[in-house]
C-alpha atoms as a PDB file:
ATOM      1  CA  UNK A   1      11.341 -11.577 -11.546  1.00  0.00           C
ATOM      2  CA  UNK A   2      14.697 -13.442 -11.164  1.00  0.00           C
ATOM      3  CA  UNK A   3      17.037 -10.647 -10.011  1.00  0.00           C
ATOM      4  CA  UNK A   4      13.780  -9.691  -8.012  1.00  0.00           C
ATOM      5  CA  UNK A   5      13.906 -12.857  -6.084  1.00  0.00           C
ATOM      6  CA  UNK A   6      17.658 -12.705  -5.389  1.00  0.00           C
ATOM      7  CA  UNK A   7      17.401  -9.218  -4.006  1.00  0.00           C
ATOM      8  CA  UNK A   8      14.581 -10.546  -1.695  1.00  0.00           C
ATOM      9  CA  UNK A   9      16.165 -13.512  -0.851  1.00  0.00           C
ATOM     10  CA  UNK A  10      13.283 -15.874  -1.712  1.00  0.00           C
ATOM     11  CA  UNK A  11      11.917 -17.461  -5.049  1.00  0.00           C
ATOM     12  CA  UNK A  12       9.154 -15.013  -6.161  1.00  0.00           C
ATOM     13  CA  UNK A  13       8.202 -16.805  -9.335  1.00  0.00           C
ATOM     14  CA  UNK A  14       7.569 -19.889  -7.392  1.00  0.00           C
ATOM     15  CA  UNK A  15       5.341 -18.103  -5.219  1.00  0.00           C
ATOM     16  CA  UNK A  16       3.713 -16.118  -7.936  1.00  0.00           C
ATOM     17  CA  UNK A  17       2.753 -19.038  -9.837  1.00  0.00           C
ATOM     18  CA  UNK A  18       2.503 -22.508  -7.966  1.00  0.00           C
ATOM     19  CA  UNK A  19       2.400 -21.890  -3.851  1.00  0.00           C
ATOM     20  CA  UNK A  20      -0.785 -22.003  -2.476  1.00  0.00           C
ATOM     21  CA  UNK A  21      -3.062 -19.574  -0.663  1.00  0.00           C
ATOM     22  CA  UNK A  22      -1.818 -20.194   2.686  1.00  0.00           C
ATOM     23  CA  UNK A  23       1.939 -19.880   1.597  1.00  0.00           C
ATOM     24  CA  UNK A  24       1.350 -16.494   0.390  1.00  0.00           C
ATOM     25  CA  UNK A  25      -0.850 -15.355   3.480  1.00  0.00           C
ATOM     26  CA  UNK A  26       2.376 -15.383   4.966  1.00  0.00           C
ATOM     27  CA  UNK A  27       3.291 -11.587   5.112  1.00  0.00           C
ATOM     28  CA  UNK A  28       7.377 -12.655   4.811  1.00  0.00           C
ATOM     29  CA  UNK A  29       5.957 -13.995   1.337  1.00  0.00           C
ATOM     30  CA  UNK A  30       3.390 -11.721   0.602  1.00  0.00           C
ATOM     31  CA  UNK A  31       4.946  -8.467   0.702  1.00  0.00           C
ATOM     32  CA  UNK A  32       8.022  -9.041  -1.511  1.00  0.00           C
ATOM     33  CA  UNK A  33       5.829 -10.611  -3.682  1.00  0.00           C
ATOM     34  CA  UNK A  34       3.466  -7.655  -4.200  1.00  0.00           C
ATOM     35  CA  UNK A  35       6.151  -5.354  -4.447  1.00  0.00           C
ATOM     36  CA  UNK A  36       7.731  -7.210  -7.067  1.00  0.00           C
ATOM     37  CA  UNK A  37       4.298  -7.756  -8.989  1.00  0.00           C
ATOM     38  CA  UNK A  38       3.953  -4.169  -9.038  1.00  0.00           C
ATOM     39  CA  UNK A  39       7.370  -3.633 -10.191  1.00  0.00           C
ATOM     40  CA  UNK A  40       6.833  -5.938 -13.320  1.00  0.00           C
ATOM     41  CA  UNK A  41       3.638  -4.717 -14.264  1.00  0.00           C
ATOM     42  CA  UNK A  42       4.986  -1.450 -14.538  1.00  0.00           C
ATOM     43  CA  UNK A  43       7.848  -2.438 -16.532  1.00  0.00           C
ATOM     44  CA  UNK A  44       5.274  -4.110 -18.768  1.00  0.00           C
ATOM     45  CA  UNK A  45       2.970  -0.988 -19.044  1.00  0.00           C
ATOM     46  CA  UNK A  46       5.466   2.050 -19.404  1.00  0.00           C
ATOM     47  CA  UNK A  47       7.395   2.488 -22.661  1.00  0.00           C
ATOM     48  CA  UNK A  48       8.672   6.151 -21.769  1.00  0.00           C
ATOM     49  CA  UNK A  49      10.797   7.397 -18.643  1.00  0.00           C
ATOM     50  CA  UNK A  50       8.080   7.858 -15.825  1.00  0.00           C
ATOM     51  CA  UNK A  51       9.376  11.693 -15.447  1.00  0.00           C
ATOM     52  CA  UNK A  52       8.290  12.536 -19.246  1.00  0.00           C
ATOM     53  CA  UNK A  53       4.707  11.937 -18.088  1.00  0.00           C
ATOM     54  CA  UNK A  54       2.379  14.049 -16.184  1.00  0.00           C
ATOM     55  CA  UNK A  55       1.755  11.994 -13.149  1.00  0.00           C
ATOM     56  CA  UNK A  56       1.706  11.529  -9.453  1.00  0.00           C
ATOM     57  CA  UNK A  57       2.676   7.961  -7.856  1.00  0.00           C
ATOM     58  CA  UNK A  58       1.409   7.175  -4.434  1.00  0.00           C
ATOM     59  CA  UNK A  59       0.955   3.240  -2.837  1.00  0.00           C
ATOM     60  CA  UNK A  60      -1.060   2.125   0.088  1.00  0.00           C
ATOM     61  CA  UNK A  61       0.712   0.404   2.934  1.00  0.00           C
ATOM     62  CA  UNK A  62       3.391  -2.011   1.339  1.00  0.00           C
ATOM     63  CA  UNK A  63       2.571  -0.599  -1.897  1.00  0.00           C
ATOM     64  CA  UNK A  64       4.294   2.733  -0.988  1.00  0.00           C
ATOM     65  CA  UNK A  65       7.610   0.789  -1.492  1.00  0.00           C
ATOM     66  CA  UNK A  66       6.441  -0.186  -5.051  1.00  0.00           C
ATOM     67  CA  UNK A  67       5.691   3.675  -5.726  1.00  0.00           C
ATOM     68  CA  UNK A  68       9.233   4.378  -4.317  1.00  0.00           C
ATOM     69  CA  UNK A  69      10.957   2.078  -6.332  1.00  0.00           C
ATOM     70  CA  UNK A  70       8.784   3.408  -9.287  1.00  0.00           C
ATOM     71  CA  UNK A  71       9.467   7.207  -8.617  1.00  0.00           C
ATOM     72  CA  UNK A  72      13.429   6.475  -8.362  1.00  0.00           C
ATOM     73  CA  UNK A  73      13.342   7.122  -4.591  1.00  0.00           C
ATOM     74  CA  UNK A  74      14.732   3.755  -4.001  1.00  0.00           C
ATOM     75  CA  UNK A  75      16.637   1.356  -6.499  1.00  0.00           C
ATOM     76  CA  UNK A  76      14.699  -1.850  -7.303  1.00  0.00           C
ATOM     77  CA  UNK A  77      17.718  -3.625  -5.071  1.00  0.00           C
ATOM     78  CA  UNK A  78      17.155  -1.440  -2.219  1.00  0.00           C
ATOM     79  CA  UNK A  79      13.248  -1.539  -2.564  1.00  0.00           C
ATOM     80  CA  UNK A  80      13.445  -5.600  -2.344  1.00  0.00           C
ATOM     81  CA  UNK A  81      15.890  -5.426   0.861  1.00  0.00           C
ATOM     82  CA  UNK A  82      13.750  -3.048   2.426  1.00  0.00           C
ATOM     83  CA  UNK A  83      10.913  -5.141   2.076  1.00  0.00           C
ATOM     84  CA  UNK A  84      12.480  -8.098   2.873  1.00  0.00           C
ATOM     85  CA  UNK A  85      13.458  -6.808   6.266  1.00  0.00           C
ATOM     86  CA  UNK A  86      10.231  -5.247   6.726  1.00  0.00           C
ATOM     87  CA  UNK A  87       8.373  -8.581   5.911  1.00  0.00           C
ATOM     88  CA  UNK A  88      10.187 -10.358   8.170  1.00  0.00           C
ATOM     89  CA  UNK A  89      10.225  -8.328  10.724  1.00  0.00           C
ATOM     90  CA  UNK A  90       6.562  -7.860  11.095  1.00  0.00           C
ATOM     91  CA  UNK A  91       6.014 -11.244  10.404  1.00  0.00           C
ATOM     92  CA  UNK A  92       8.310 -11.739  13.885  1.00  0.00           C
ATOM     93  CA  UNK A  93       6.279  -9.160  15.563  1.00  0.00           C
ATOM     94  CA  UNK A  94       2.812 -10.599  14.639  1.00  0.00           C
ATOM     95  CA  UNK A  95       3.918 -14.254  15.832  1.00  0.00           C
ATOM     96  CA  UNK A  96       4.745 -12.513  19.319  1.00  0.00           C
ATOM     97  CA  UNK A  97       0.893 -11.790  19.977  1.00  0.00           C
ATOM     98  CA  UNK A  98      -1.924 -13.427  17.491  1.00  0.00           C
ATOM     99  CA  UNK A  99      -3.224 -10.098  16.055  1.00  0.00           C
ATOM    100  CA  UNK A 100      -5.519  -9.258  12.831  1.00  0.00           C
ATOM    101  CA  UNK A 101      -7.558  -6.868  10.923  1.00  0.00           C
ATOM    102  CA  UNK A 102     -10.717  -6.340  10.074  1.00  0.00           C
ATOM    103  CA  UNK A 103     -12.743  -3.685   7.605  1.00  0.00           C
ATOM    104  CA  UNK A 104     -15.295  -1.690   8.906  1.00  0.00           C
ATOM    105  CA  UNK A 105     -17.608  -0.763   6.050  1.00  0.00           C
ATOM    106  CA  UNK A 106     -20.328   2.098   6.276  1.00  0.00           C
ATOM    107  CA  UNK A 107     -21.576   3.909   9.489  1.00  0.00           C
ATOM    108  CA  UNK A 108     -21.131   7.083  10.430  1.00  0.00           C
ATOM    109  CA  UNK A 109     -17.144   7.772  10.756  1.00  0.00           C
ATOM    110  CA  UNK A 110     -17.167   9.486  14.318  1.00  0.00           C
ATOM    111  CA  UNK A 111     -19.081   6.535  15.582  1.00  0.00           C
ATOM    112  CA  UNK A 112     -17.279   4.200  13.642  1.00  0.00           C
ATOM    113  CA  UNK A 113     -13.909   5.441  15.225  1.00  0.00           C
ATOM    114  CA  UNK A 114     -15.365   5.210  18.534  1.00  0.00           C
ATOM    115  CA  UNK A 115     -16.540   1.535  18.415  1.00  0.00           C
ATOM    116  CA  UNK A 116     -13.160   0.686  16.986  1.00  0.00           C
ATOM    117  CA  UNK A 117     -11.637   2.693  20.227  1.00  0.00           C
ATOM    118  CA  UNK A 118     -14.266   0.826  22.462  1.00  0.00           C
ATOM    119  CA  UNK A 119     -12.965  -2.501  21.323  1.00  0.00           C
ATOM    120  CA  UNK A 120      -9.461  -1.420  22.145  1.00  0.00           C
ATOM    121  CA  UNK A 121      -8.576  -1.298  18.560  1.00  0.00           C
ATOM    122  CA  UNK A 122      -6.761   0.760  16.599  1.00  0.00           C
ATOM    123  CA  UNK A 123      -7.532   2.508  13.047  1.00  0.00           C
ATOM    124  CA  UNK A 124      -4.890   1.045  11.088  1.00  0.00           C
ATOM    125  CA  UNK A 125      -6.288   2.132   7.593  1.00  0.00           C
ATOM    126  CA  UNK A 126      -8.565   4.836   6.856  1.00  0.00           C
ATOM    127  CA  UNK A 127      -9.050   4.272   3.308  1.00  0.00           C
ATOM    128  CA  UNK A 128     -12.271   6.098   2.769  1.00  0.00           C
ATOM    129  CA  UNK A 129     -15.465   8.022   4.610  1.00  0.00           C
ATOM    130  CA  UNK A 130     -16.942   4.824   4.092  1.00  0.00           C
ATOM    131  CA  UNK A 131     -14.041   2.409   4.792  1.00  0.00           C
ATOM    132  CA  UNK A 132     -11.822   1.941   7.889  1.00  0.00           C
ATOM    133  CA  UNK A 133      -9.532  -1.046   8.757  1.00  0.00           C
ATOM    134  CA  UNK A 134      -9.119  -1.818  12.530  1.00  0.00           C
ATOM    135  CA  UNK A 135      -6.187  -3.789  13.922  1.00  0.00           C
ATOM    136  CA  UNK A 136      -5.385  -5.249  17.396  1.00  0.00           C
ATOM    137  CA  UNK A 137      -5.569  -8.733  18.984  1.00  0.00           C
ATOM    138  CA  UNK A 138      -8.174 -11.299  17.892  1.00  0.00           C
ATOM    139  CA  UNK A 139      -9.934 -10.914  21.244  1.00  0.00           C
ATOM    140  CA  UNK A 140     -10.796  -7.139  20.492  1.00  0.00           C
ATOM    141  CA  UNK A 141     -11.293  -8.024  16.828  1.00  0.00           C
ATOM    142  CA  UNK A 142     -14.144 -10.593  17.880  1.00  0.00           C
ATOM    143  CA  UNK A 143     -15.165  -8.216  20.300  1.00  0.00           C
ATOM    144  CA  UNK A 144     -15.914  -5.386  17.412  1.00  0.00           C
ATOM    145  CA  UNK A 145     -17.575  -8.100  15.407  1.00  0.00           C
ATOM    146  CA  UNK A 146     -20.148  -9.147  17.985  1.00  0.00           C
ATOM    147  CA  UNK A 147     -20.898  -5.177  18.813  1.00  0.00           C
ATOM    148  CA  UNK A 148     -20.292  -3.200  14.899  1.00  0.00           C
ATOM    149  CA  UNK A 149     -21.088   0.438  14.945  1.00  0.00           C
ATOM    150  CA  UNK A 150     -24.611   1.484  13.658  1.00  0.00           C
ATOM    151  CA  UNK A 151     -25.366   0.805  10.084  1.00  0.00           C
ATOM    152  CA  UNK A 152     -21.732  -0.639   9.678  1.00  0.00           C
ATOM    153  CA  UNK A 153     -20.363  -4.320   8.447  1.00  0.00           C
ATOM    154  CA  UNK A 154     -17.320  -5.363  10.026  1.00  0.00           C
ATOM    155  CA  UNK A 155     -15.532  -8.172   7.914  1.00  0.00           C
ATOM    156  CA  UNK A 156     -12.355  -9.904   9.283  1.00  0.00           C
ATOM    157  CA  UNK A 157      -9.454  -9.855   6.682  1.00  0.00           C
ATOM    158  CA  UNK A 158      -7.199 -12.871   5.749  1.00  0.00           C
ATOM    159  CA  UNK A 159      -4.093 -11.065   7.247  1.00  0.00           C
ATOM    160  CA  UNK A 160      -1.249 -12.330   9.807  1.00  0.00           C
ATOM    161  CA  UNK A 161      -1.271  -9.322  11.998  1.00  0.00           C
ATOM    162  CA  UNK A 162      -2.012  -5.921  13.538  1.00  0.00           C
ATOM    163  CA  UNK A 163       0.009  -4.086  10.798  1.00  0.00           C
ATOM    164  CA  UNK A 164       0.235  -0.241  11.040  1.00  0.00           C
ATOM    165  CA  UNK A 165      -0.396  -0.050  14.861  1.00  0.00           C
ATOM    166  CA  UNK A 166       1.934  -0.083  17.775  1.00  0.00           C
ATOM    167  CA  UNK A 167       2.177  -4.179  17.557  1.00  0.00           C
ATOM    168  CA  UNK A 168       4.888  -3.443  14.691  1.00  0.00           C
ATOM    169  CA  UNK A 169       7.151  -1.313  16.919  1.00  0.00           C
ATOM    170  CA  UNK A 170       9.935  -3.862  16.778  1.00  0.00           C
ATOM    171  CA  UNK A 171      10.032  -3.668  12.672  1.00  0.00           C
ATOM    172  CA  UNK A 172      10.497  -0.128  12.760  1.00  0.00           C
ATOM    173  CA  UNK A 173      13.479  -0.363  14.996  1.00  0.00           C
ATOM    174  CA  UNK A 174      14.892  -3.236  12.332  1.00  0.00           C
ATOM    175  CA  UNK A 175      14.124  -0.698   9.625  1.00  0.00           C
ATOM    176  CA  UNK A 176      15.858   1.986  11.530  1.00  0.00           C
ATOM    177  CA  UNK A 177      18.902  -0.363  11.753  1.00  0.00           C
ATOM    178  CA  UNK A 178      18.719  -1.000   7.873  1.00  0.00           C
ATOM    179  CA  UNK A 179      18.306   2.725   6.525  1.00  0.00           C
ATOM    180  CA  UNK A 180      22.067   3.372   6.519  1.00  0.00           C
ATOM    181  CA  UNK A 181      22.620   0.727   3.995  1.00  0.00           C
ATOM    182  CA  UNK A 182      20.214   2.342   1.730  1.00  0.00           C
ATOM    183  CA  UNK A 183      20.458   5.196  -0.964  1.00  0.00           C
ATOM    184  CA  UNK A 184      17.225   7.353  -1.162  1.00  0.00           C
ATOM    185  CA  UNK A 185      17.153   9.834  -4.054  1.00  0.00           C
ATOM    186  CA  UNK A 186      14.786  12.755  -4.649  1.00  0.00           C
ATOM    187  CA  UNK A 187      11.590  11.356  -6.202  1.00  0.00           C
ATOM    188  CA  UNK A 188      11.685  12.146 -10.225  1.00  0.00           C
ATOM    189  CA  UNK A 189       7.909  12.828 -10.237  1.00  0.00           C
ATOM    190  CA  UNK A 190       5.520  13.744  -7.055  1.00  0.00           C
ATOM    191  CA  UNK A 191       5.207  10.720  -4.405  1.00  0.00           C
ATOM    192  CA  UNK A 192       2.665  11.150  -1.995  1.00  0.00           C
ATOM    193  CA  UNK A 193       3.162   9.711   1.780  1.00  0.00           C
ATOM    194  CA  UNK A 194       0.507   7.473   3.571  1.00  0.00           C
ATOM    195  CA  UNK A 195       1.171   9.522   6.525  1.00  0.00           C
ATOM    196  CA  UNK A 196      -0.747  12.703   5.643  1.00  0.00           C
ATOM    197  CA  UNK A 197      -1.263  12.410   1.713  1.00  0.00           C
ATOM    198  CA  UNK A 198       1.252  14.987   1.123  1.00  0.00           C
ATOM    199  CA  UNK A 199       4.077  15.005  -1.470  1.00  0.00           C
ATOM    200  CA  UNK A 200       7.428  14.139   0.040  1.00  0.00           C
ATOM    201  CA  UNK A 201      10.137  16.411  -0.230  1.00  0.00           C
ATOM    202  CA  UNK A 202      12.994  14.104  -0.451  1.00  0.00           C
ATOM    203  CA  UNK A 203      14.505  11.003  -0.786  1.00  0.00           C
ATOM    204  CA  UNK A 204      15.449  10.860   2.908  1.00  0.00           C
ATOM    205  CA  UNK A 205      11.886  12.038   3.966  1.00  0.00           C
ATOM    206  CA  UNK A 206      10.188   9.438   1.501  1.00  0.00           C
ATOM    207  CA  UNK A 207      12.440   6.665   3.619  1.00  0.00           C
ATOM    208  CA  UNK A 208      11.520   7.908   7.300  1.00  0.00           C
ATOM    209  CA  UNK A 209       8.205   7.907   6.164  1.00  0.00           C
ATOM    210  CA  UNK A 210       8.485   4.402   4.757  1.00  0.00           C
ATOM    211  CA  UNK A 211       9.940   3.120   8.168  1.00  0.00           C
ATOM    212  CA  UNK A 212       7.700   4.977  10.103  1.00  0.00           C
ATOM    213  CA  UNK A 213       4.479   3.958   8.291  1.00  0.00           C
ATOM    214  CA  UNK A 214       4.785   0.381   9.603  1.00  0.00           C
ATOM    215  CA  UNK A 215       3.263   1.443  12.778  1.00  0.00           C
ATOM    216  CA  UNK A 216       1.335   4.150  12.255  1.00  0.00           C
ATOM    217  CA  UNK A 217      -1.910   4.303  10.131  1.00  0.00           C
ATOM    218  CA  UNK A 218      -2.177   4.624   6.495  1.00  0.00           C
ATOM    219  CA  UNK A 219      -4.167   7.753   5.465  1.00  0.00           C
ATOM    220  CA  UNK A 220      -5.094   6.548   2.158  1.00  0.00           C
ATOM    221  CA  UNK A 221      -8.442   8.755   2.327  1.00  0.00           C
ATOM    222  CA  UNK A 222      -5.782  11.576   2.507  1.00  0.00           C
ATOM    223  CA  UNK A 223      -4.004  10.523  -0.685  1.00  0.00           C
ATOM    224  CA  UNK A 224      -6.954  10.714  -2.358  1.00  0.00           C
ATOM    225  CA  UNK A 225      -7.776  14.111  -1.462  1.00  0.00           C
ATOM    226  CA  UNK A 226      -4.431  15.238  -2.715  1.00  0.00           C
ATOM    227  CA  UNK A 227      -4.811  13.452  -5.983  1.00  0.00           C
ATOM    228  CA  UNK A 228      -8.129  15.121  -6.368  1.00  0.00           C
ATOM    229  CA  UNK A 229      -7.110  18.689  -5.358  1.00  0.00           C
ATOM    230  CA  UNK A 230      -3.768  17.831  -8.062  1.00  0.00           C
ATOM    231  CA  UNK A 231      -6.047  17.535 -10.948  1.00  0.00           C
ATOM    232  CA  UNK A 232      -5.532  13.912 -11.106  1.00  0.00           C
ATOM    233  CA  UNK A 233      -8.060  12.675 -13.852  1.00  0.00           C
ATOM    234  CA  UNK A 234      -7.050   8.759 -14.387  1.00  0.00           C
ATOM    235  CA  UNK A 235      -5.815   6.146 -12.005  1.00  0.00           C
ATOM    236  CA  UNK A 236      -3.878   2.967 -12.654  1.00  0.00           C
ATOM    237  CA  UNK A 237      -3.666   0.506  -9.964  1.00  0.00           C
ATOM    238  CA  UNK A 238      -0.696  -1.917 -10.415  1.00  0.00           C
ATOM    239  CA  UNK A 239      -1.062  -5.609  -9.907  1.00  0.00           C
ATOM    240  CA  UNK A 240      -2.073  -6.860  -7.355  1.00  0.00           C
ATOM    241  CA  UNK A 241      -5.227  -4.644  -8.228  1.00  0.00           C
ATOM    242  CA  UNK A 242      -9.161  -3.910  -7.817  1.00  0.00           C
ATOM    243  CA  UNK A 243      -9.231  -2.400  -3.970  1.00  0.00           C
ATOM    244  CA  UNK A 244      -7.588   0.954  -4.749  1.00  0.00           C
ATOM    245  CA  UNK A 245      -9.410   1.475  -7.966  1.00  0.00           C
ATOM    246  CA  UNK A 246     -12.587   0.520  -6.373  1.00  0.00           C
ATOM    247  CA  UNK A 247     -11.670   3.276  -3.961  1.00  0.00           C
ATOM    248  CA  UNK A 248     -11.323   5.665  -6.335  1.00  0.00           C
ATOM    249  CA  UNK A 249     -14.567   5.196  -8.336  1.00  0.00           C
ATOM    250  CA  UNK A 250     -16.072   6.006  -4.893  1.00  0.00           C
ATOM    251  CA  UNK A 251     -14.110   8.627  -3.314  1.00  0.00           C
ATOM    252  CA  UNK A 252     -12.860  10.380  -6.567  1.00  0.00           C
ATOM    253  CA  UNK A 253     -15.815  11.654  -8.640  1.00  0.00           C
ATOM    254  CA  UNK A 254     -15.179  11.289 -12.321  1.00  0.00           C
ATOM    255  CA  UNK A 255     -11.946   9.972 -12.190  1.00  0.00           C
ATOM    256  CA  UNK A 256     -11.355   7.086 -14.621  1.00  0.00           C
ATOM    257  CA  UNK A 257      -9.871   4.035 -13.066  1.00  0.00           C
ATOM    258  CA  UNK A 258      -8.092   0.888 -14.438  1.00  0.00           C
ATOM    259  CA  UNK A 259      -7.147  -2.082 -12.181  1.00  0.00           C
ATOM    260  CA  UNK A 260      -4.318  -4.145 -14.084  1.00  0.00           C
ATOM    261  CA  UNK A 261      -4.982  -7.777 -12.476  1.00  0.00           C
ATOM    262  CA  UNK A 262      -3.671  -9.570 -15.390  1.00  0.00           C
ATOM    263  CA  UNK A 263      -1.965  -8.875 -18.673  1.00  0.00           C
ATOM    264  CA  UNK A 264      -5.406  -8.424 -20.655  1.00  0.00           C
ATOM    265  CA  UNK A 265      -5.704  -5.607 -18.231  1.00  0.00           C
ATOM    266  CA  UNK A 266      -2.467  -4.048 -19.901  1.00  0.00           C
ATOM    267  CA  UNK A 267      -4.425  -2.617 -22.882  1.00  0.00           C
ATOM    268  CA  UNK A 268      -6.829  -0.686 -21.085  1.00  0.00           C
ATOM    269  CA  UNK A 269      -3.869   0.727 -18.791  1.00  0.00           C
ATOM    270  CA  UNK A 270      -2.071   1.922 -22.001  1.00  0.00           C
ATOM    271  CA  UNK A 271      -4.955   3.788 -23.299  1.00  0.00           C
ATOM    272  CA  UNK A 272      -5.656   5.480 -20.113  1.00  0.00           C
ATOM    273  CA  UNK A 273      -2.132   6.218 -19.635  1.00  0.00           C
ATOM    274  CA  UNK A 274      -1.947   7.577 -23.130  1.00  0.00           C
ATOM    275  CA  UNK A 275      -5.109   9.861 -23.005  1.00  0.00           C
ATOM    276  CA  UNK A 276      -4.452  11.275 -19.746  1.00  0.00           C
ATOM    277  CA  UNK A 277      -0.644  11.280 -19.067  1.00  0.00           C
ATOM    278  CA  UNK A 278       1.076  11.789 -22.075  1.00  0.00           C
ATOM    279  CA  UNK A 279       1.505  15.507 -22.989  1.00  0.00           C
ATOM    280  CA  UNK A 280      -1.343  16.747 -21.008  1.00  0.00           C
ATOM    281  CA  UNK A 281       0.923  18.799 -18.262  1.00  0.00           C
ATOM    282  CA  UNK A 282      -2.030  20.588 -17.328  1.00  0.00           C
ATOM    283  CA  UNK A 283      -3.688  17.174 -16.096  1.00  0.00           C
ATOM    284  CA  UNK A 284      -2.441  14.085 -14.199  1.00  0.00           C
END
């Protein structure tokens, strides 16, 4: 954590142990902390090289940076440099206009998208058939809350910006400027893109996808479809965890899932990994 803190330029140990909720809500803090937490959890979990296992790796939004580091697509220092720039520039973009996000749970998918568009919002995260996250200005969020789609709930989220929308365009430009200083590599195991759920073909393609991802929707629904098609039988969600394991239980029928929320969850994750990934090359 100390080395990751140095690369990120902030004290991740303090933010991960003593900082209050308001401090951590700041995306400039939250993003590096999320990536670092995932990397540390993976190090505690894995006792063999990832490429020796039958696995596929994917990450949701900022978690895609964690996934890139785990697969060797980016080194840990490069991943932390990337997330530092991403977080700071997205914080700048969020500060320019009061924006936010809201989860739309339930409802007919077409009606949900129509209601989001009618409110002037964008579908920032398409997580499953029953959950889409809308993003835009606070007035637009309020309009959707006041006129939700039929048979759906609209839940405002505690985030500090309209991520994965055109509001984040300035951050994309900043990351494009950073890219020449990074050295991407071909992933050691299959790595899925948030853009279309497909396996990225190269390190350069993975980095380009990470940059563009900042202002375009996260298609986690397509990532789950790809994992299902690839024969995935078990899923481990790294720290901070819970949301993706919950989506998998509803959207990936029959798939065992463990959310590593605390060190106490590592044993269950180790057992799942041993059963589903060690030596079972016909499954993932």
